[in-house]
C-alpha atoms as a PDB file:
ATOM      1  CA  MET A   1     -28.408  48.499  79.321  1.00  0.00           C
ATOM      2  CA  ARG A   2     -29.542  50.594  76.593  1.00  0.00           C
ATOM      3  CA  LEU A   3     -32.732  51.693  78.281  1.00  0.00           C
ATOM      4  CA  HIS A   4     -30.892  52.941  81.579  1.00  0.00           C
ATOM      5  CA  LEU A   5     -28.707  55.173  79.270  1.00  0.00           C
ATOM      6  CA  ILE A   6     -31.545  56.886  77.817  1.00  0.00           C
ATOM      7  CA  PHE A   7     -32.857  57.107  81.471  1.00  0.00           C
ATOM      8  CA  PHE A   8     -29.340  58.876  82.547  1.00  0.00           C
ATOM      9  CA  TYR A   9     -29.450  60.990  78.636  1.00  0.00           C
ATOM     10  CA  GLU A  10     -32.465  62.442  79.331  1.00  0.00           C
ATOM     11  CA  LEU A  11     -31.899  63.125  82.894  1.00  0.00           C
ATOM     12  CA  LEU A  12     -29.089  65.034  81.753  1.00  0.00           C
ATOM     13  CA  MET A  13     -29.660  66.725  78.873  1.00  0.00           C
ATOM     14  CA  ARG A  14     -33.175  68.029  80.646  1.00  0.00           C
ATOM     15  CA  ALA A  15     -30.882  68.583  84.375  1.00  0.00           C
ATOM     16  CA  LYS A  16     -32.518  71.888  85.177  1.00  0.00           C
ATOM     17  CA  TYR A  17     -35.889  70.336  85.185  1.00  0.00           C
ATOM     18  CA  GLY A  18     -34.778  67.435  86.891  1.00  0.00           C
ATOM     19  CA  ASP A  19     -36.007  67.475  89.941  1.00  0.00           C
ATOM     20  CA  ASN A  20     -39.254  66.777  88.511  1.00  0.00           C
ATOM     21  CA  LEU A  21     -37.811  63.328  87.269  1.00  0.00           C
ATOM     22  CA  ILE A  22     -35.663  62.233  89.989  1.00  0.00           C
ATOM     23  CA  LYS A  23     -37.976  60.628  92.089  1.00  0.00           C
ATOM     24  CA  GLU A  24     -39.804  58.420  88.443  1.00  0.00           C
ATOM     25  CA  TYR A  25     -35.626  57.555  87.590  1.00  0.00           C
ATOM     26  CA  SER A  26     -34.762  56.070  90.504  1.00  0.00           C
ATOM     27  CA  VAL A  27     -37.494  53.785  90.670  1.00  0.00           C
ATOM     28  CA  ARG A  28     -37.146  52.946  87.303  1.00  0.00           C
ATOM     29  CA  LEU A  29     -33.509  52.671  87.359  1.00  0.00           C
ATOM     30  CA  THR A  30     -33.686  50.473  90.640  1.00  0.00           C
ATOM     31  CA  LYS A  31     -36.416  48.271  88.441  1.00  0.00           C
ATOM     32  CA  GLU A  32     -34.408  48.066  85.582  1.00  0.00           C
ATOM     33  CA  LEU A  33     -31.255  47.341  86.563  1.00  0.00           C
ATOM     34  CA  ASP A  34     -32.121  45.401  89.570  1.00  0.00           C
ATOM     35  CA  LYS A  35     -29.526  47.536  91.528  1.00  0.00           C
ATOM     36  CA  LYS A  36     -30.679  50.595  94.358  1.00  0.00           C
ATOM     37  CA  TYR A  37     -30.467  54.126  92.453  1.00  0.00           C
ATOM     38  CA  SER A  38     -31.231  56.372  95.152  1.00  0.00           C
ATOM     39  CA  GLN A  39     -32.685  60.228  94.663  1.00  0.00           C
ATOM     40  CA  ARG A  40     -29.583  61.739  96.626  1.00  0.00           C
ATOM     41  CA  ASN A  41     -27.220  59.647  93.918  1.00  0.00           C
ATOM     42  CA  LEU A  42     -29.224  60.943  90.806  1.00  0.00           C
ATOM     43  CA  ARG A  43     -29.060  63.985  92.197  1.00  0.00           C
ATOM     44  CA  ASN A  44     -25.498  64.223  92.871  1.00  0.00           C
ATOM     45  CA  MET A  45     -25.130  62.890  88.838  1.00  0.00           C
ATOM     46  CA  ARG A  46     -27.665  65.549  87.516  1.00  0.00           C
ATOM     47  CA  GLN A  47     -25.276  68.116  89.578  1.00  0.00           C
ATOM     48  CA  PHE A  48     -21.951  66.804  88.775  1.00  0.00           C
ATOM     49  CA  TYR A  49     -22.997  67.068  84.898  1.00  0.00           C
ATOM     50  CA  LEU A  50     -24.000  71.013  85.609  1.00  0.00           C
ATOM     51  CA  LYS A  51     -20.848  71.573  87.461  1.00  0.00           C
ATOM     52  CA  TYR A  52     -18.801  69.434  84.430  1.00  0.00           C
ATOM     53  CA  THR A  53     -20.477  71.910  81.828  1.00  0.00           C
ATOM     54  CA  GLU A  54     -19.362  75.159  83.889  1.00  0.00           C
ATOM     55  CA  LEU A  55     -15.789  74.569  85.199  1.00  0.00           C
ATOM     56  CA  ASP A  56     -14.742  72.090  81.624  1.00  0.00           C
ATOM     57  CA  LEU A  57     -13.606  69.502  84.061  1.00  0.00           C
ATOM     58  CA  ALA A  58     -12.312  67.320  81.502  1.00  0.00           C
ATOM     59  CA  ASP A  59      -8.491  68.056  82.717  1.00  0.00           C
ATOM     60  CA  ILE A  60      -8.907  67.186  86.210  1.00  0.00           C
ATOM     61  CA  VAL A  61     -11.974  64.596  86.201  1.00  0.00           C
ATOM     62  CA  CYS A  62      -9.682  61.451  86.050  1.00  0.00           C
ATOM     63  CA  GLN A  63      -7.444  62.764  88.813  1.00  0.00           C
ATOM     64  CA  ILE A  64     -10.142  62.740  91.717  1.00  0.00           C
ATOM     65  CA  SER A  65     -12.685  60.268  92.889  1.00  0.00           C
ATOM     66  CA  TRP A  66     -16.336  60.456  92.614  1.00  0.00           C
ATOM     67  CA  SER A  67     -16.585  60.903  96.598  1.00  0.00           C
ATOM     68  CA  HIS A  68     -14.264  63.840  96.285  1.00  0.00           C
ATOM     69  CA  PHE A  69     -16.747  65.738  93.605  1.00  0.00           C
ATOM     70  CA  THR A  70     -19.950  65.043  95.537  1.00  0.00           C
ATOM     71  CA  GLU A  71     -18.189  66.883  98.507  1.00  0.00           C
ATOM     72  CA  LEU A  72     -17.620  69.451  96.247  1.00  0.00           C
ATOM     73  CA  ILE A  73     -20.535  70.457  93.708  1.00  0.00           C
ATOM     74  CA  TRP A  74     -22.834  71.563  95.918  1.00  0.00           C
ATOM     75  CA  ILE A  75     -20.830  74.611  96.772  1.00  0.00           C
ATOM     76  CA  LYS A  76     -22.467  77.857  94.719  1.00  0.00           C
ATOM     77  CA  ASN A  77     -18.992  79.476  94.136  1.00  0.00           C
ATOM     78  CA  ASN A  78     -16.869  78.104  90.810  1.00  0.00           C
ATOM     79  CA  ASN A  79     -13.864  79.718  91.963  1.00  0.00           C
ATOM     80  CA  GLU A  80     -13.968  78.557  95.523  1.00  0.00           C
ATOM     81  CA  ILE A  81     -14.741  74.243  94.017  1.00  0.00           C
ATOM     82  CA  LYS A  82     -11.793  75.328  91.480  1.00  0.00           C
ATOM     83  CA  TYR A  83      -9.634  76.159  94.439  1.00  0.00           C
ATOM     84  CA  TYR A  84     -10.178  73.115  96.793  1.00  0.00           C
ATOM     85  CA  LEU A  85     -10.058  70.819  93.214  1.00  0.00           C
ATOM     86  CA  ASN A  86      -6.624  72.273  93.028  1.00  0.00           C
ATOM     87  CA  VAL A  87      -5.721  71.772  96.822  1.00  0.00           C
ATOM     88  CA  VAL A  88      -6.994  67.995  96.661  1.00  0.00           C
ATOM     89  CA  VAL A  89      -4.760  67.427  93.851  1.00  0.00           C
ATOM     90  CA  ASN A  90      -1.668  68.906  94.918  1.00  0.00           C
ATOM     91  CA  TYR A  91      -1.618  67.578  98.350  1.00  0.00           C
ATOM     92  CA  ASN A  92      -3.225  64.441  97.905  1.00  0.00           C
ATOM     93  CA  LEU A  93      -6.216  64.799 100.726  1.00  0.00           C
ATOM     94  CA  SER A  94      -8.711  62.157 101.423  1.00  0.00           C
ATOM     95  CA  VAL A  95     -12.417  63.001 101.139  1.00  0.00           C
ATOM     96  CA  ARG A  96     -11.930  63.143 104.767  1.00  0.00           C
ATOM     97  CA  GLN A  97      -9.147  65.330 105.147  1.00  0.00           C
ATOM     98  CA  LEU A  98     -11.142  67.721 101.908  1.00  0.00           C
ATOM     99  CA  ARG A  99     -14.214  67.962 104.113  1.00  0.00           C
ATOM    100  CA  GLU A 100     -12.364  69.354 107.099  1.00  0.00           C
ATOM    101  CA  ARG A 101     -11.029  72.178 104.754  1.00  0.00           C
ATOM    102  CA  ILE A 102     -14.410  72.889 103.648  1.00  0.00           C
ATOM    103  CA  LYS A 103     -15.731  72.592 106.922  1.00  0.00           C
ATOM    104  CA  SER A 104     -13.083  75.355 108.380  1.00  0.00           C
ATOM    105  CA  ASN A 105     -14.215  78.149 105.352  1.00  0.00           C
ATOM    106  CA  GLU A 106     -10.481  77.938 104.582  1.00  0.00           C
ATOM    107  CA  TYR A 107     -11.336  79.008 101.015  1.00  0.00           C
ATOM    108  CA  GLU A 108     -13.248  81.875 102.772  1.00  0.00           C
ATOM    109  CA  ARG A 109     -10.212  82.505 105.064  1.00  0.00           C
ATOM    110  CA  LEU A 110      -8.227  83.740 102.539  1.00  0.00           C
ATOM    111  CA  SER A 111      -7.878  87.539 101.636  1.00  0.00           C
ATOM    112  CA  ILE A 112     -10.046  89.094  98.931  1.00  0.00           C
ATOM    113  CA  THR A 113      -6.657  89.893  97.170  1.00  0.00           C
ATOM    114  CA  THR A 114      -5.658  86.538  97.450  1.00  0.00           C
ATOM    115  CA  ARG A 115      -8.868  85.143  95.930  1.00  0.00           C
ATOM    116  CA  ASN A 116      -8.478  87.533  93.156  1.00  0.00           C
ATOM    117  CA  LYS A 117      -5.051  86.433  92.173  1.00  0.00           C
ATOM    118  CA  LEU A 118      -5.988  82.917  91.940  1.00  0.00           C
ATOM    119  CA  VAL A 119      -8.875  83.905  89.539  1.00  0.00           C
ATOM    120  CA  SER A 120      -6.657  85.780  87.572  1.00  0.00           C
ATOM    121  CA  LYS A 121      -3.682  83.187  87.735  1.00  0.00           C
ATOM    122  CA  THR A 122      -1.617  85.804  88.974  1.00  0.00           C
ATOM    123  CA  ASN A 123       1.808  84.514  90.343  1.00  0.00           C
ATOM    124  CA  LEU A 124       1.105  84.226  94.471  1.00  0.00           C
ATOM    125  CA  GLU A 125       3.912  85.371  97.103  1.00  0.00           C
ATOM    126  CA  VAL A 126       4.530  83.669 100.097  1.00  0.00           C
ATOM    127  CA  GLN A 127       2.038  85.890 102.262  1.00  0.00           C
ATOM    128  CA  ASP A 128      -0.768  84.688  99.988  1.00  0.00           C
ATOM    129  CA  LEU A 129      -1.982  81.604 101.204  1.00  0.00           C
ATOM    130  CA  VAL A 130      -1.869  82.472 104.553  1.00  0.00           C
ATOM    131  CA  LYS A 131      -5.224  81.886 106.181  1.00  0.00           C
ATOM    132  CA  ASP A 132      -7.246  84.758 108.449  1.00  0.00           C
ATOM    133  CA  PRO A 133      -7.825  83.404 110.954  1.00  0.00           C
ATOM    134  CA  ILE A 134      -5.035  80.575 111.757  1.00  0.00           C
ATOM    135  CA  ILE A 135      -6.915  77.641 113.208  1.00  0.00           C
ATOM    136  CA  ILE A 136      -5.646  76.374 116.070  1.00  0.00           C
ATOM    137  CA  LYS A 137      -6.592  73.331 117.549  1.00  0.00           C
ATOM    138  CA  ASN A 138      -7.179  73.437 121.504  1.00  0.00           C
ATOM    139  CA  THR A 139      -5.401  69.452 122.087  1.00  0.00           C
ATOM    140  CA  THR A 140      -5.563  70.159 125.835  1.00  0.00           C
ATOM    141  CA  ASN A 141      -8.831  72.636 126.508  1.00  0.00           C
ATOM    142  CA  ILE A 142      -6.252  75.126 128.251  1.00  0.00           C
ATOM    143  CA  GLU A 143      -7.187  78.982 128.288  1.00  0.00           C
ATOM    144  CA  ILE A 144      -5.098  80.917 126.297  1.00  0.00           C
ATOM    145  CA  ILE A 145      -3.459  83.377 128.609  1.00  0.00           C
ATOM    146  CA  SER A 146       0.559  83.575 127.325  1.00  0.00           C
ATOM    147  CA  GLU A 147       2.196  83.480 124.320  1.00  0.00           C
ATOM    148  CA  LYS A 148       4.033  80.430 125.393  1.00  0.00           C
ATOM    149  CA  ALA A 149       0.964  78.225 125.855  1.00  0.00           C
ATOM    150  CA  LEU A 150      -0.398  79.837 122.260  1.00  0.00           C
ATOM    151  CA  LYS A 151       2.914  78.408 121.318  1.00  0.00           C
ATOM    152  CA  GLN A 152       3.266  74.981 122.278  1.00  0.00           C
ATOM    153  CA  LEU A 153      -0.826  74.617 121.524  1.00  0.00           C
ATOM    154  CA  ILE A 154       0.979  75.455 117.790  1.00  0.00           C
ATOM    155  CA  LEU A 155       3.855  72.833 118.459  1.00  0.00           C
ATOM    156  CA  ASP A 156       1.459  70.034 119.914  1.00  0.00           C
ATOM    157  CA  ASP A 157      -0.181  70.104 116.126  1.00  0.00           C
ATOM    158  CA  LEU A 158       2.829  71.587 113.895  1.00  0.00           C
ATOM    159  CA  ASP A 159       1.879  69.843 110.687  1.00  0.00           C
ATOM    160  CA  ASN A 160      -1.445  71.598 110.538  1.00  0.00           C
ATOM    161  CA  PHE A 161      -0.086  75.206 111.286  1.00  0.00           C
ATOM    162  CA  LEU A 162       2.370  74.473 108.687  1.00  0.00           C
ATOM    163  CA  LEU A 163      -0.736  73.752 106.432  1.00  0.00           C
ATOM    164  CA  GLU A 164      -2.732  76.780 107.681  1.00  0.00           C
ATOM    165  CA  LEU A 165       0.441  78.853 106.323  1.00  0.00           C
ATOM    166  CA  GLY A 166      -0.101  77.752 102.988  1.00  0.00           C
ATOM    167  CA  ASN A 167       2.329  76.352 100.567  1.00  0.00           C
ATOM    168  CA  GLY A 168       5.920  74.714 101.181  1.00  0.00           C
ATOM    169  CA  PHE A 169       6.700  75.853 105.007  1.00  0.00           C
ATOM    170  CA  THR A 170       9.096  73.665 106.934  1.00  0.00           C
ATOM    171  CA  TYR A 171      10.061  73.849 110.483  1.00  0.00           C
ATOM    172  CA  ILE A 172      13.501  74.896 111.575  1.00  0.00           C
ATOM    173  CA  ALA A 173      13.009  75.760 115.690  1.00  0.00           C
ATOM    174  CA  ASN A 174      11.129  78.113 118.446  1.00  0.00           C
ATOM    175  CA  GLU A 175      12.292  80.310 120.562  1.00  0.00           C
ATOM    176  CA  TYR A 176      15.420  80.617 118.255  1.00  0.00           C
ATOM    177  CA  LYS A 177      18.122  82.473 119.865  1.00  0.00           C
ATOM    178  CA  ILE A 178      19.609  85.673 118.205  1.00  0.00           C
ATOM    179  CA  LYS A 179      21.848  88.418 119.714  1.00  0.00           C
ATOM    180  CA  VAL A 180      21.248  91.952 118.967  1.00  0.00           C
ATOM    181  CA  ASP A 181      24.130  94.145 120.398  1.00  0.00           C
ATOM    182  CA  ASN A 182      24.553  92.558 123.705  1.00  0.00           C
ATOM    183  CA  ASN A 183      21.352  91.563 123.944  1.00  0.00           C
ATOM    184  CA  PHE A 184      19.975  88.077 123.478  1.00  0.00           C
ATOM    185  CA  ASN A 185      16.623  87.631 121.929  1.00  0.00           C
ATOM    186  CA  PHE A 186      14.430  84.679 120.750  1.00  0.00           C
ATOM    187  CA  ILE A 187      11.982  84.340 117.508  1.00  0.00           C
ATOM    188  CA  ASP A 188       9.005  82.761 118.428  1.00  0.00           C
ATOM    189  CA  ILE A 189       8.633  80.244 115.811  1.00  0.00           C
ATOM    190  CA  LEU A 190      11.559  80.139 112.810  1.00  0.00           C
ATOM    191  CA  LEU A 191      10.786  78.502 109.298  1.00  0.00           C
ATOM    192  CA  TYR A 192      12.148  77.730 105.958  1.00  0.00           C
ATOM    193  CA  ASN A 193       9.982  78.090 102.579  1.00  0.00           C
ATOM    194  CA  ILE A 194      10.989  75.947 100.325  1.00  0.00           C
ATOM    195  CA  LEU A 195       9.094  77.262  97.358  1.00  0.00           C
ATOM    196  CA  TYR A 196      10.185  80.613  97.743  1.00  0.00           C
ATOM    197  CA  ASN A 197      13.587  80.003  98.795  1.00  0.00           C
ATOM    198  CA  CYS A 198      13.388  82.449 101.702  1.00  0.00           C
ATOM    199  CA  TYR A 199      13.271  82.343 106.096  1.00  0.00           C
ATOM    200  CA  VAL A 200      10.218  83.229 107.232  1.00  0.00           C
ATOM    201  CA  VAL A 201      10.017  84.773 110.856  1.00  0.00           C
ATOM    202  CA  VAL A 202       6.889  83.820 112.939  1.00  0.00           C
ATOM    203  CA  GLU A 203       5.913  86.244 115.848  1.00  0.00           C
ATOM    204  CA  LEU A 204       2.949  85.469 118.406  1.00  0.00           C
ATOM    205  CA  LYS A 205       0.864  87.554 120.330  1.00  0.00           C
ATOM    206  CA  VAL A 206      -2.060  87.211 122.470  1.00  0.00           C
ATOM    207  CA  THR A 207      -2.976  90.647 122.547  1.00  0.00           C
ATOM    208  CA  GLU A 208      -4.274  93.021 119.542  1.00  0.00           C
ATOM    209  CA  LEU A 209      -1.837  94.006 116.790  1.00  0.00           C
ATOM    210  CA  LYS A 210       0.536  97.195 118.243  1.00  0.00           C
ATOM    211  CA  LYS A 211       2.804  98.753 116.327  1.00  0.00           C
ATOM    212  CA  GLU A 212       5.929  97.876 118.277  1.00  0.00           C
ATOM    213  CA  HIS A 213       5.126  94.489 116.958  1.00  0.00           C
ATOM    214  CA  ILE A 214       6.185  95.394 113.923  1.00  0.00           C
ATOM    215  CA  GLY A 215       9.374  97.236 115.098  1.00  0.00           C
ATOM    216  CA  GLN A 216       9.826  93.722 117.094  1.00  0.00           C
ATOM    217  CA  ILE A 217       9.298  91.529 114.389  1.00  0.00           C
ATOM    218  CA  GLN A 218      11.618  93.990 111.409  1.00  0.00           C
ATOM    219  CA  VAL A 219      14.410  93.250 113.523  1.00  0.00           C
ATOM    220  CA  TYR A 220      14.279  89.781 113.383  1.00  0.00           C
ATOM    221  CA  MET A 221      13.568  89.971 110.385  1.00  0.00           C
ATOM    222  CA  ASN A 222      16.995  92.342 109.254  1.00  0.00           C
ATOM    223  CA  TYR A 223      18.782  89.766 111.879  1.00  0.00           C
ATOM    224  CA  ILE A 224      18.428  86.969 109.747  1.00  0.00           C
ATOM    225  CA  ASP A 225      18.851  88.506 106.004  1.00  0.00           C
ATOM    226  CA  LYS A 226      22.785  89.808 107.951  1.00  0.00           C
ATOM    227  CA  ASN A 227      23.616  86.852 109.543  1.00  0.00           C
ATOM    228  CA  ILE A 228      22.166  83.650 107.810  1.00  0.00           C
ATOM    229  CA  LYS A 229      20.669  84.072 104.965  1.00  0.00           C
ATOM    230  CA  THR A 230      22.767  83.359 101.843  1.00  0.00           C
ATOM    231  CA  ILE A 231      23.248  85.511  98.826  1.00  0.00           C
ATOM    232  CA  ASN A 232      21.090  82.403  97.142  1.00  0.00           C
ATOM    233  CA  GLN A 233      18.556  82.952  99.390  1.00  0.00           C
ATOM    234  CA  ASP A 234      15.584  85.514  99.019  1.00  0.00           C
ATOM    235  CA  LYS A 235      14.820  88.320 101.919  1.00  0.00           C
ATOM    236  CA  THR A 236      13.062  86.887 104.805  1.00  0.00           C
ATOM    237  CA  ILE A 237       9.546  87.350 105.501  1.00  0.00           C
ATOM    238  CA  GLY A 238       7.771  87.741 108.754  1.00  0.00           C
ATOM    239  CA  ILE A 239       4.559  86.944 109.946  1.00  0.00           C
ATOM    240  CA  ILE A 240       2.494  87.828 113.432  1.00  0.00           C
ATOM    241  CA  ILE A 241      -0.441  86.417 114.750  1.00  0.00           C
ATOM    242  CA  SER A 242      -2.265  88.174 116.788  1.00  0.00           C
ATOM    243  CA  LYS A 243      -5.119  87.943 118.696  1.00  0.00           C
ATOM    244  CA  LYS A 244      -7.048  90.904 116.824  1.00  0.00           C
ATOM    245  CA  ASN A 245      -5.666  93.212 113.853  1.00  0.00           C
ATOM    246  CA  ASN A 246      -5.174  96.797 114.202  1.00  0.00           C
ATOM    247  CA  LYS A 247      -6.319  98.246 110.677  1.00  0.00           C
ATOM    248  CA  TYR A 248      -4.556 101.621 111.802  1.00  0.00           C
ATOM    249  CA  VAL A 249      -1.259  99.589 112.551  1.00  0.00           C
ATOM    250  CA  ILE A 250      -1.497  97.964 109.479  1.00  0.00           C
ATOM    251  CA  GLU A 251      -1.976 100.748 107.426  1.00  0.00           C
ATOM    252  CA  TYR A 252       0.551 103.342 108.662  1.00  0.00           C
ATOM    253  CA  SER A 253       3.347 100.786 109.664  1.00  0.00           C
ATOM    254  CA  SER A 254       3.465  98.564 106.245  1.00  0.00           C
ATOM    255  CA  ASP A 255       5.832  96.809 105.167  1.00  0.00           C
ATOM    256  CA  PRO A 256       5.353  94.253 102.158  1.00  0.00           C
ATOM    257  CA  ARG A 257       7.548  91.630 103.925  1.00  0.00           C
ATOM    258  CA  ILE A 258       5.289  91.618 106.857  1.00  0.00           C
ATOM    259  CA  TYR A 259       1.727  89.818 107.079  1.00  0.00           C
ATOM    260  CA  THR A 260      -0.286  90.481 110.196  1.00  0.00           C
ATOM    261  CA  THR A 261      -3.369  87.489 110.789  1.00  0.00           C
ATOM    262  CA  THR A 262      -4.917  86.853 113.685  1.00  0.00           C
ATOM    263  CA  TYR A 263      -6.116  82.985 115.581  1.00  0.00           C
ATOM    264  CA  LYS A 264      -8.535  81.403 116.828  1.00  0.00           C
ATOM    265  CA  THR A 265      -8.684  78.303 118.921  1.00  0.00           C
ATOM    266  CA  ILE A 266     -11.205  75.034 118.542  1.00  0.00           C
ATOM    267  CA  LYS A 267     -11.596  72.250 120.493  1.00  0.00           C
ATOM    268  CA  ASP A 268      -9.895  69.045 118.992  1.00  0.00           C
ATOM    269  CA  THR A 269     -13.052  66.290 118.179  1.00  0.00           C
ATOM    270  CA  LYS A 270     -10.752  63.521 117.346  1.00  0.00           C
END
């Protein structure tokens, strides 16, 4: 036992030179302990040591399994690792769920502003964790040619959609009926965010973002604020999910309550 501890100590202390030692130690540890120590496992141990010292993982190491760590320690961006560590703890993710999030490039789909807020530990707003693009699983392999078809895919996999939006979103209704003047209108999807204590109007567009989309969702948001929201709740926000963003519409029709993003459909491999 003492000998294998010496092996590990030398391997870790000389971690940056460890590539030439891995093969040797794999053989020696396997022989000494009569237990298989693969080169892959030793590389993971060495990499964990390097990341442990870089990231100061003392407070979180007991909350996450070794299998979780092996999914993360080879990511080059330490801020990205910190993000996924927090996600694992906050959502109690399995290794498979974590792997799916990494594969979908979840961190990369956050805005630069959001990533900077995470680094500086600035308070996030409800819109900050909305991904761009939103990943929507196409469970029926249909061609998305209408808002109705897109909405049905979302409703078929609602849990995933809510996670793509971020934290604290809960479902209220789709085709939520409101009356503006003498006309009835229908909000595509109405949500509530329990963390930020506000209603969330979601509008779906299978076209490029247009300026009239901004005006439409503003009407819906104002209606909710005037007729549904209580005095103890924060102002309604809006999320427009379109096929393609338009930087000029975003620049000249800006409203801090409205967040615009895009969607991407993928085949469900289950």
